[in-house]
Amino acid sequence: MLAVTVAAIWVSAAGGWQAAGGDCTDLSLKALDVMERVVARGDAAAVIGGKRSLRDAVDRCPQINLARLSLLGFHEARRLAAFGGVIERQRPTQQALEELGKLRDGRIDLEIEYAETAIRAAVAAAQDERDELDLLLTHARDLTERLAARSRRAVWPRPFNVLAGELWLEVDRFEEARAAFERAVAADAGPTAIVGLARSLARLGRREESCRTFARLPEDAVSLRYETRQELAECR
């Protein structure tokens, strides 16, 4: 439902930017809020691929375009893992990075740099480049702290702890993934963080703790339940 809602909101928001003189409209801000909940619930891929999706949405709100391009770039970078991150398949990811660079205007440059770093970290994970991934995540954490010092947040394409957890899990660094997801759960206990922690604990052989964690997953997190139907089958 949220995936459909954000698409509908975006259609209206994209047509209403002129009245705000290029600033974010109330509809744009509402779309951002819904998008954040969609990602936390594990449904980002559905939004990216849906009708009137992130692929063709247009808005003059810079935060909307940051969210759109970072989600697309991160999605494409994660898809590279199936191919070992080969350069020949990186064009969609590079296009998203190029478009992100064009958004720099001094207002949200730190948020853009964070998004770019997150996407490059996903590419490093796809290539199984653990040392490079570590460096990029360290930089992403630094950007998160710099944003927090300015009362701003690193959100797109993922908040830092969820980002780190997902990418460490991808390269089989399960203890690092567990620690990152534990921090994410302690911060807001979003569905993606809960499932990530449950998966990390399972990979570490801590099955009882994994199932206790998985039991905290909201019933409406349908996509996450489906995606983990085999990996966490004993917890159901």
C-alpha atoms as a PDB file:
ATOM      1  CA  MET A   1       0.000   0.000   0.000  1.00  0.00           C
ATOM      2  CA  LEU A   2       2.781   2.449   0.849  1.00  0.00           C
ATOM      3  CA  ALA A   3       4.445   1.832  -2.513  1.00  0.00           C
ATOM      4  CA  VAL A   4       1.229   2.780  -4.290  1.00  0.00           C
ATOM      5  CA  THR A   5       0.709   5.770  -2.023  1.00  0.00           C
ATOM      6  CA  VAL A   6       4.128   7.283  -2.639  1.00  0.00           C
ATOM      7  CA  ALA A   7       3.678   6.956  -6.401  1.00  0.00           C
ATOM      8  CA  ALA A   8       0.332   8.755  -6.217  1.00  0.00           C
ATOM      9  CA  ILE A   9       1.744  11.496  -4.011  1.00  0.00           C
ATOM     10  CA  TRP A  10       4.671  11.955  -6.357  1.00  0.00           C
ATOM     11  CA  VAL A  11       2.449  12.487  -9.385  1.00  0.00           C
ATOM     12  CA  SER A  12       0.792  15.379  -7.563  1.00  0.00           C
ATOM     13  CA  ALA A  13       4.048  16.712  -6.139  1.00  0.00           C
ATOM     14  CA  ALA A  14       5.766  16.700  -9.507  1.00  0.00           C
ATOM     15  CA  GLY A  15       3.048  18.902 -10.951  1.00  0.00           C
ATOM     16  CA  GLY A  16       2.970  21.355  -8.065  1.00  0.00           C
ATOM     17  CA  TRP A  17       6.536  22.612  -7.820  1.00  0.00           C
ATOM     18  CA  GLN A  18       5.965  25.858  -9.724  1.00  0.00           C
ATOM     19  CA  ALA A  19       3.687  27.305  -7.074  1.00  0.00           C
ATOM     20  CA  ALA A  20       6.529  26.994  -4.576  1.00  0.00           C
ATOM     21  CA  GLY A  21       9.086  28.693  -6.810  1.00  0.00           C
ATOM     22  CA  GLY A  22      11.247  25.580  -6.998  1.00  0.00           C
ATOM     23  CA  ASP A  23      11.188  24.832  -3.264  1.00  0.00           C
ATOM     24  CA  CYS A  24       9.807  21.628  -1.806  1.00  0.00           C
ATOM     25  CA  THR A  25       6.027  21.587  -1.663  1.00  0.00           C
ATOM     26  CA  ASP A  26       4.060  20.031   1.174  1.00  0.00           C
ATOM     27  CA  LEU A  27       3.291  17.131  -1.158  1.00  0.00           C
ATOM     28  CA  SER A  28       6.995  16.645  -1.863  1.00  0.00           C
ATOM     29  CA  LEU A  29       7.761  16.547   1.831  1.00  0.00           C
ATOM     30  CA  LYS A  30       4.926  14.088   2.384  1.00  0.00           C
ATOM     31  CA  ALA A  31       6.321  11.922  -0.434  1.00  0.00           C
ATOM     32  CA  LEU A  32       9.739  11.959   1.236  1.00  0.00           C
ATOM     33  CA  ASP A  33       8.241  10.814   4.527  1.00  0.00           C
ATOM     34  CA  VAL A  34       6.351   7.979   2.848  1.00  0.00           C
ATOM     35  CA  MET A  35       9.429   6.970   0.848  1.00  0.00           C
ATOM     36  CA  GLU A  36      11.493   6.720   4.010  1.00  0.00           C
ATOM     37  CA  ARG A  37       8.889   4.407   5.551  1.00  0.00           C
ATOM     38  CA  VAL A  38       8.764   2.341   2.351  1.00  0.00           C
ATOM     39  CA  VAL A  39      12.533   1.815   2.433  1.00  0.00           C
ATOM     40  CA  ALA A  40      12.515   0.987   6.154  1.00  0.00           C
ATOM     41  CA  ARG A  41       9.805  -1.587   5.485  1.00  0.00           C
ATOM     42  CA  GLY A  42      11.890  -3.271   2.818  1.00  0.00           C
ATOM     43  CA  ASP A  43       9.791  -2.225  -0.187  1.00  0.00           C
ATOM     44  CA  ALA A  44      12.219   0.113  -1.979  1.00  0.00           C
ATOM     45  CA  ALA A  45      12.533  -2.185  -5.000  1.00  0.00           C
ATOM     46  CA  ALA A  46       8.770  -2.141  -5.489  1.00  0.00           C
ATOM     47  CA  VAL A  47       8.741   1.657  -5.546  1.00  0.00           C
ATOM     48  CA  ILE A  48      11.649   1.818  -7.982  1.00  0.00           C
ATOM     49  CA  GLY A  49       9.975  -0.559 -10.400  1.00  0.00           C
ATOM     50  CA  GLY A  50       6.372   0.532  -9.995  1.00  0.00           C
ATOM     51  CA  LYS A  51       4.103   2.534 -12.279  1.00  0.00           C
ATOM     52  CA  ARG A  52       5.031   6.240 -12.269  1.00  0.00           C
ATOM     53  CA  SER A  53       8.063   5.086 -10.335  1.00  0.00           C
ATOM     54  CA  LEU A  54      11.347   6.636  -9.253  1.00  0.00           C
ATOM     55  CA  ARG A  55      12.613   5.978 -12.764  1.00  0.00           C
ATOM     56  CA  ASP A  56      10.474   8.664 -14.391  1.00  0.00           C
ATOM     57  CA  ALA A  57       9.286  10.886 -11.549  1.00  0.00           C
ATOM     58  CA  VAL A  58      10.194  14.565 -11.940  1.00  0.00           C
ATOM     59  CA  ASP A  59      10.291  17.135  -9.171  1.00  0.00           C
ATOM     60  CA  ARG A  60      12.050  20.443  -8.500  1.00  0.00           C
ATOM     61  CA  CYS A  61      12.491  19.635  -4.812  1.00  0.00           C
ATOM     62  CA  PRO A  62      16.219  18.808  -4.467  1.00  0.00           C
ATOM     63  CA  GLN A  63      15.584  16.371  -1.620  1.00  0.00           C
ATOM     64  CA  ILE A  64      13.148  14.435  -3.819  1.00  0.00           C
ATOM     65  CA  ASN A  65      15.698  14.134  -6.583  1.00  0.00           C
ATOM     66  CA  LEU A  66      18.385  13.142  -4.088  1.00  0.00           C
ATOM     67  CA  ALA A  67      16.130  10.362  -2.778  1.00  0.00           C
ATOM     68  CA  ARG A  68      15.149   9.250  -6.278  1.00  0.00           C
ATOM     69  CA  LEU A  69      18.665   9.060  -7.693  1.00  0.00           C
ATOM     70  CA  SER A  70      20.274   7.561  -4.608  1.00  0.00           C
ATOM     71  CA  LEU A  71      17.685   4.780  -4.409  1.00  0.00           C
ATOM     72  CA  LEU A  72      18.120   4.038  -8.102  1.00  0.00           C
ATOM     73  CA  GLY A  73      21.908   4.066  -7.897  1.00  0.00           C
ATOM     74  CA  PHE A  74      21.983   1.881  -4.806  1.00  0.00           C
ATOM     75  CA  HIS A  75      19.491  -0.554  -6.327  1.00  0.00           C
ATOM     76  CA  GLU A  76      21.581  -0.876  -9.482  1.00  0.00           C
ATOM     77  CA  ALA A  77      24.794  -1.247  -7.467  1.00  0.00           C
ATOM     78  CA  ARG A  78      23.310  -4.046  -5.358  1.00  0.00           C
ATOM     79  CA  ARG A  79      22.258  -5.856  -8.535  1.00  0.00           C
ATOM     80  CA  LEU A  80      25.924  -5.974  -9.577  1.00  0.00           C
ATOM     81  CA  ALA A  81      26.658  -8.578  -6.899  1.00  0.00           C
ATOM     82  CA  ALA A  82      25.152 -11.300  -9.091  1.00  0.00           C
ATOM     83  CA  PHE A  83      27.801 -10.498 -11.730  1.00  0.00           C
ATOM     84  CA  GLY A  84      30.774  -9.857  -9.470  1.00  0.00           C
ATOM     85  CA  GLY A  85      30.497  -6.102  -9.981  1.00  0.00           C
ATOM     86  CA  VAL A  86      31.998  -6.245 -13.468  1.00  0.00           C
ATOM     87  CA  ILE A  87      32.581  -2.857 -15.110  1.00  0.00           C
ATOM     88  CA  GLU A  88      30.543  -3.806 -18.171  1.00  0.00           C
ATOM     89  CA  ARG A  89      27.367  -3.805 -16.078  1.00  0.00           C
ATOM     90  CA  GLN A  90      28.028  -0.644 -14.090  1.00  0.00           C
ATOM     91  CA  ARG A  91      26.600   1.910 -16.547  1.00  0.00           C
ATOM     92  CA  PRO A  92      23.191   2.338 -14.784  1.00  0.00           C
ATOM     93  CA  THR A  93      24.992   2.862 -11.484  1.00  0.00           C
ATOM     94  CA  GLN A  94      27.390   5.373 -13.020  1.00  0.00           C
ATOM     95  CA  GLN A  95      24.499   7.247 -14.631  1.00  0.00           C
ATOM     96  CA  ALA A  96      22.844   7.657 -11.240  1.00  0.00           C
ATOM     97  CA  LEU A  97      26.127   8.925  -9.765  1.00  0.00           C
ATOM     98  CA  GLU A  98      26.528  11.410 -12.616  1.00  0.00           C
ATOM     99  CA  GLU A  99      22.992  12.718 -12.095  1.00  0.00           C
ATOM    100  CA  LEU A 100      23.574  13.014  -8.355  1.00  0.00           C
ATOM    101  CA  GLY A 101      26.632  15.143  -9.058  1.00  0.00           C
ATOM    102  CA  LYS A 102      24.497  17.545 -11.068  1.00  0.00           C
ATOM    103  CA  LEU A 103      22.341  18.244  -7.987  1.00  0.00           C
ATOM    104  CA  ARG A 104      25.181  19.951  -6.122  1.00  0.00           C
ATOM    105  CA  ASP A 105      24.302  23.558  -5.468  1.00  0.00           C
ATOM    106  CA  GLY A 106      25.617  24.136  -1.950  1.00  0.00           C
ATOM    107  CA  ARG A 107      22.362  23.292  -0.150  1.00  0.00           C
ATOM    108  CA  ILE A 108      22.492  19.513   0.231  1.00  0.00           C
ATOM    109  CA  ASP A 109      26.029  18.743  -0.912  1.00  0.00           C
ATOM    110  CA  LEU A 110      26.843  16.707   2.205  1.00  0.00           C
ATOM    111  CA  GLU A 111      23.727  14.575   1.709  1.00  0.00           C
ATOM    112  CA  ILE A 112      24.711  14.068  -1.933  1.00  0.00           C
ATOM    113  CA  GLU A 113      28.241  13.060  -0.962  1.00  0.00           C
ATOM    114  CA  TYR A 114      26.809  10.582   1.524  1.00  0.00           C
ATOM    115  CA  ALA A 115      24.571   9.065  -1.161  1.00  0.00           C
ATOM    116  CA  GLU A 116      27.464   8.836  -3.618  1.00  0.00           C
ATOM    117  CA  THR A 117      29.633   7.171  -0.981  1.00  0.00           C
ATOM    118  CA  ALA A 118      26.885   4.676  -0.152  1.00  0.00           C
ATOM    119  CA  ILE A 119      26.484   3.727  -3.812  1.00  0.00           C
ATOM    120  CA  ARG A 120      30.237   3.308  -4.274  1.00  0.00           C
ATOM    121  CA  ALA A 121      30.317   1.180  -1.121  1.00  0.00           C
ATOM    122  CA  ALA A 122      27.634  -1.052  -2.650  1.00  0.00           C
ATOM    123  CA  VAL A 123      29.777  -1.435  -5.778  1.00  0.00           C
ATOM    124  CA  ALA A 124      32.777  -2.388  -3.609  1.00  0.00           C
ATOM    125  CA  ALA A 125      30.635  -4.983  -1.828  1.00  0.00           C
ATOM    126  CA  ALA A 126      29.469  -6.373  -5.169  1.00  0.00           C
ATOM    127  CA  GLN A 127      33.133  -6.776  -6.141  1.00  0.00           C
ATOM    128  CA  ASP A 128      33.940  -8.358  -2.761  1.00  0.00           C
ATOM    129  CA  GLU A 129      36.455  -5.572  -2.106  1.00  0.00           C
ATOM    130  CA  ARG A 130      36.301  -5.624   1.686  1.00  0.00           C
ATOM    131  CA  ASP A 131      39.131  -3.148   2.324  1.00  0.00           C
ATOM    132  CA  GLU A 132      37.627  -0.585  -0.041  1.00  0.00           C
ATOM    133  CA  LEU A 133      34.210  -1.181   1.492  1.00  0.00           C
ATOM    134  CA  ASP A 134      35.642  -0.528   4.945  1.00  0.00           C
ATOM    135  CA  LEU A 135      37.169   2.782   3.802  1.00  0.00           C
ATOM    136  CA  LEU A 136      33.955   3.914   2.117  1.00  0.00           C
ATOM    137  CA  LEU A 137      31.828   3.019   5.129  1.00  0.00           C
ATOM    138  CA  THR A 138      34.222   4.906   7.379  1.00  0.00           C
ATOM    139  CA  HIS A 139      33.776   7.960   5.161  1.00  0.00           C
ATOM    140  CA  ALA A 140      29.988   7.484   5.165  1.00  0.00           C
ATOM    141  CA  ARG A 141      30.014   7.368   8.970  1.00  0.00           C
ATOM    142  CA  ASP A 142      32.057  10.581   9.062  1.00  0.00           C
ATOM    143  CA  LEU A 143      29.539  12.274   6.754  1.00  0.00           C
ATOM    144  CA  THR A 144      26.700  11.055   8.979  1.00  0.00           C
ATOM    145  CA  GLU A 145      28.359  12.654  12.000  1.00  0.00           C
ATOM    146  CA  ARG A 146      28.999  15.907  10.119  1.00  0.00           C
ATOM    147  CA  LEU A 147      25.357  16.051   9.071  1.00  0.00           C
ATOM    148  CA  ALA A 148      24.174  15.331  12.619  1.00  0.00           C
ATOM    149  CA  ALA A 149      26.338  18.216  13.870  1.00  0.00           C
ATOM    150  CA  ARG A 150      24.296  20.435  11.540  1.00  0.00           C
ATOM    151  CA  SER A 151      20.992  18.937  12.761  1.00  0.00           C
ATOM    152  CA  ARG A 152      20.586  17.104   9.445  1.00  0.00           C
ATOM    153  CA  ARG A 153      20.246  13.419   8.659  1.00  0.00           C
ATOM    154  CA  ALA A 154      21.928  10.924   6.355  1.00  0.00           C
ATOM    155  CA  VAL A 155      18.905   9.044   5.023  1.00  0.00           C
ATOM    156  CA  TRP A 156      19.322   8.207   1.329  1.00  0.00           C
ATOM    157  CA  PRO A 157      19.719   5.548   0.106  1.00  0.00           C
ATOM    158  CA  ARG A 158      19.877   4.043   3.629  1.00  0.00           C
ATOM    159  CA  PRO A 159      20.637   5.387   7.100  1.00  0.00           C
ATOM    160  CA  PHE A 160      24.237   4.571   7.974  1.00  0.00           C
ATOM    161  CA  ASN A 161      23.778   1.591  10.301  1.00  0.00           C
ATOM    162  CA  VAL A 162      21.363  -0.154   7.940  1.00  0.00           C
ATOM    163  CA  LEU A 163      23.693   0.617   5.034  1.00  0.00           C
ATOM    164  CA  ALA A 164      26.694  -0.852   6.864  1.00  0.00           C
ATOM    165  CA  GLY A 165      24.728  -3.880   8.026  1.00  0.00           C
ATOM    166  CA  GLU A 166      23.438  -4.711   4.557  1.00  0.00           C
ATOM    167  CA  LEU A 167      26.828  -4.395   2.885  1.00  0.00           C
ATOM    168  CA  TRP A 168      28.806  -6.258   5.560  1.00  0.00           C
ATOM    169  CA  LEU A 169      26.248  -9.044   5.369  1.00  0.00           C
ATOM    170  CA  GLU A 170      26.711  -9.163   1.603  1.00  0.00           C
ATOM    171  CA  VAL A 171      30.453  -9.830   1.952  1.00  0.00           C
ATOM    172  CA  ASP A 172      29.988 -12.384   4.763  1.00  0.00           C
ATOM    173  CA  ARG A 173      31.362 -10.197   7.538  1.00  0.00           C
ATOM    174  CA  PHE A 174      28.612 -11.325   9.881  1.00  0.00           C
ATOM    175  CA  GLU A 175      29.915  -9.885  13.155  1.00  0.00           C
ATOM    176  CA  GLU A 176      30.282  -6.412  11.648  1.00  0.00           C
ATOM    177  CA  ALA A 177      26.800  -6.751  10.135  1.00  0.00           C
ATOM    178  CA  ARG A 178      25.333  -7.798  13.492  1.00  0.00           C
ATOM    179  CA  ALA A 179      26.887  -4.835  15.284  1.00  0.00           C
ATOM    180  CA  ALA A 180      25.605  -2.387  12.659  1.00  0.00           C
ATOM    181  CA  PHE A 181      22.084  -3.790  12.684  1.00  0.00           C
ATOM    182  CA  GLU A 182      22.030  -3.788  16.497  1.00  0.00           C
ATOM    183  CA  ARG A 183      22.802  -0.069  16.417  1.00  0.00           C
ATOM    184  CA  ALA A 184      20.042   0.428  13.833  1.00  0.00           C
ATOM    185  CA  VAL A 185      17.499  -1.500  15.903  1.00  0.00           C
ATOM    186  CA  ALA A 186      18.464   0.448  19.022  1.00  0.00           C
ATOM    187  CA  ALA A 187      17.888   3.701  17.129  1.00  0.00           C
ATOM    188  CA  ASP A 188      14.441   3.054  15.662  1.00  0.00           C
ATOM    189  CA  ALA A 189      13.738  -0.703  15.330  1.00  0.00           C
ATOM    190  CA  GLY A 190      12.617  -0.392  11.710  1.00  0.00           C
ATOM    191  CA  PRO A 191      11.591  -3.594   9.888  1.00  0.00           C
ATOM    192  CA  THR A 192      14.691  -3.672   7.653  1.00  0.00           C
ATOM    193  CA  ALA A 193      16.966  -3.341  10.680  1.00  0.00           C
ATOM    194  CA  ILE A 194      15.088  -6.080  12.555  1.00  0.00           C
ATOM    195  CA  VAL A 195      15.337  -8.538   9.671  1.00  0.00           C
ATOM    196  CA  GLY A 196      18.984  -7.627   9.085  1.00  0.00           C
ATOM    197  CA  LEU A 197      19.811  -8.335  12.719  1.00  0.00           C
ATOM    198  CA  ALA A 198      17.879 -11.622  12.626  1.00  0.00           C
ATOM    199  CA  ARG A 199      19.750 -12.693   9.485  1.00  0.00           C
ATOM    200  CA  SER A 200      23.128 -11.727  10.932  1.00  0.00           C
ATOM    201  CA  LEU A 201      22.487 -13.652  14.142  1.00  0.00           C
ATOM    202  CA  ALA A 202      21.375 -16.679  12.122  1.00  0.00           C
ATOM    203  CA  ARG A 203      24.574 -16.577  10.068  1.00  0.00           C
ATOM    204  CA  LEU A 204      26.556 -16.502  13.322  1.00  0.00           C
ATOM    205  CA  GLY A 205      24.732 -19.630  14.508  1.00  0.00           C
ATOM    206  CA  ARG A 206      22.785 -17.753  17.185  1.00  0.00           C
ATOM    207  CA  ARG A 207      19.451 -19.199  16.082  1.00  0.00           C
ATOM    208  CA  GLU A 208      17.456 -18.642  19.273  1.00  0.00           C
ATOM    209  CA  GLU A 209      18.391 -14.954  19.381  1.00  0.00           C
ATOM    210  CA  SER A 210      17.713 -14.718  15.666  1.00  0.00           C
ATOM    211  CA  CYS A 211      14.168 -16.007  16.063  1.00  0.00           C
ATOM    212  CA  ARG A 212      13.475 -13.758  19.038  1.00  0.00           C
ATOM    213  CA  THR A 213      14.559 -10.818  16.928  1.00  0.00           C
ATOM    214  CA  PHE A 214      12.519 -11.929  13.938  1.00  0.00           C
ATOM    215  CA  ALA A 215       9.435 -12.162  16.169  1.00  0.00           C
ATOM    216  CA  ARG A 216       9.619  -8.354  16.519  1.00  0.00           C
ATOM    217  CA  LEU A 217       8.996  -7.875  12.789  1.00  0.00           C
ATOM    218  CA  PRO A 218       5.636  -6.144  12.139  1.00  0.00           C
ATOM    219  CA  GLU A 219       3.051  -8.303  10.383  1.00  0.00           C
ATOM    220  CA  ASP A 220       2.680  -5.815   7.544  1.00  0.00           C
ATOM    221  CA  ALA A 221       6.345  -6.195   6.479  1.00  0.00           C
ATOM    222  CA  VAL A 222       5.174  -8.603   3.788  1.00  0.00           C
ATOM    223  CA  SER A 223       8.105  -8.191   1.387  1.00  0.00           C
ATOM    224  CA  LEU A 224      10.689  -8.880   4.079  1.00  0.00           C
ATOM    225  CA  ARG A 225       8.808 -11.945   5.263  1.00  0.00           C
ATOM    226  CA  TYR A 226       8.699 -13.271   1.715  1.00  0.00           C
ATOM    227  CA  GLU A 227      12.371 -12.538   1.020  1.00  0.00           C
ATOM    228  CA  THR A 228      13.489 -14.404   4.150  1.00  0.00           C
ATOM    229  CA  ARG A 229      10.981 -17.265   3.887  1.00  0.00           C
ATOM    230  CA  GLN A 230      13.766 -19.850   3.448  1.00  0.00           C
ATOM    231  CA  GLU A 231      16.658 -18.266   5.320  1.00  0.00           C
ATOM    232  CA  LEU A 232      14.598 -17.753   8.495  1.00  0.00           C
ATOM    233  CA  ALA A 233      12.098 -20.578   7.960  1.00  0.00           C
ATOM    234  CA  GLU A 234      12.634 -22.052  11.429  1.00  0.00           C
ATOM    235  CA  CYS A 235      11.592 -18.743  13.028  1.00  0.00           C
ATOM    236  CA  ARG A 236       8.063 -18.819  11.583  1.00  0.00           C
END
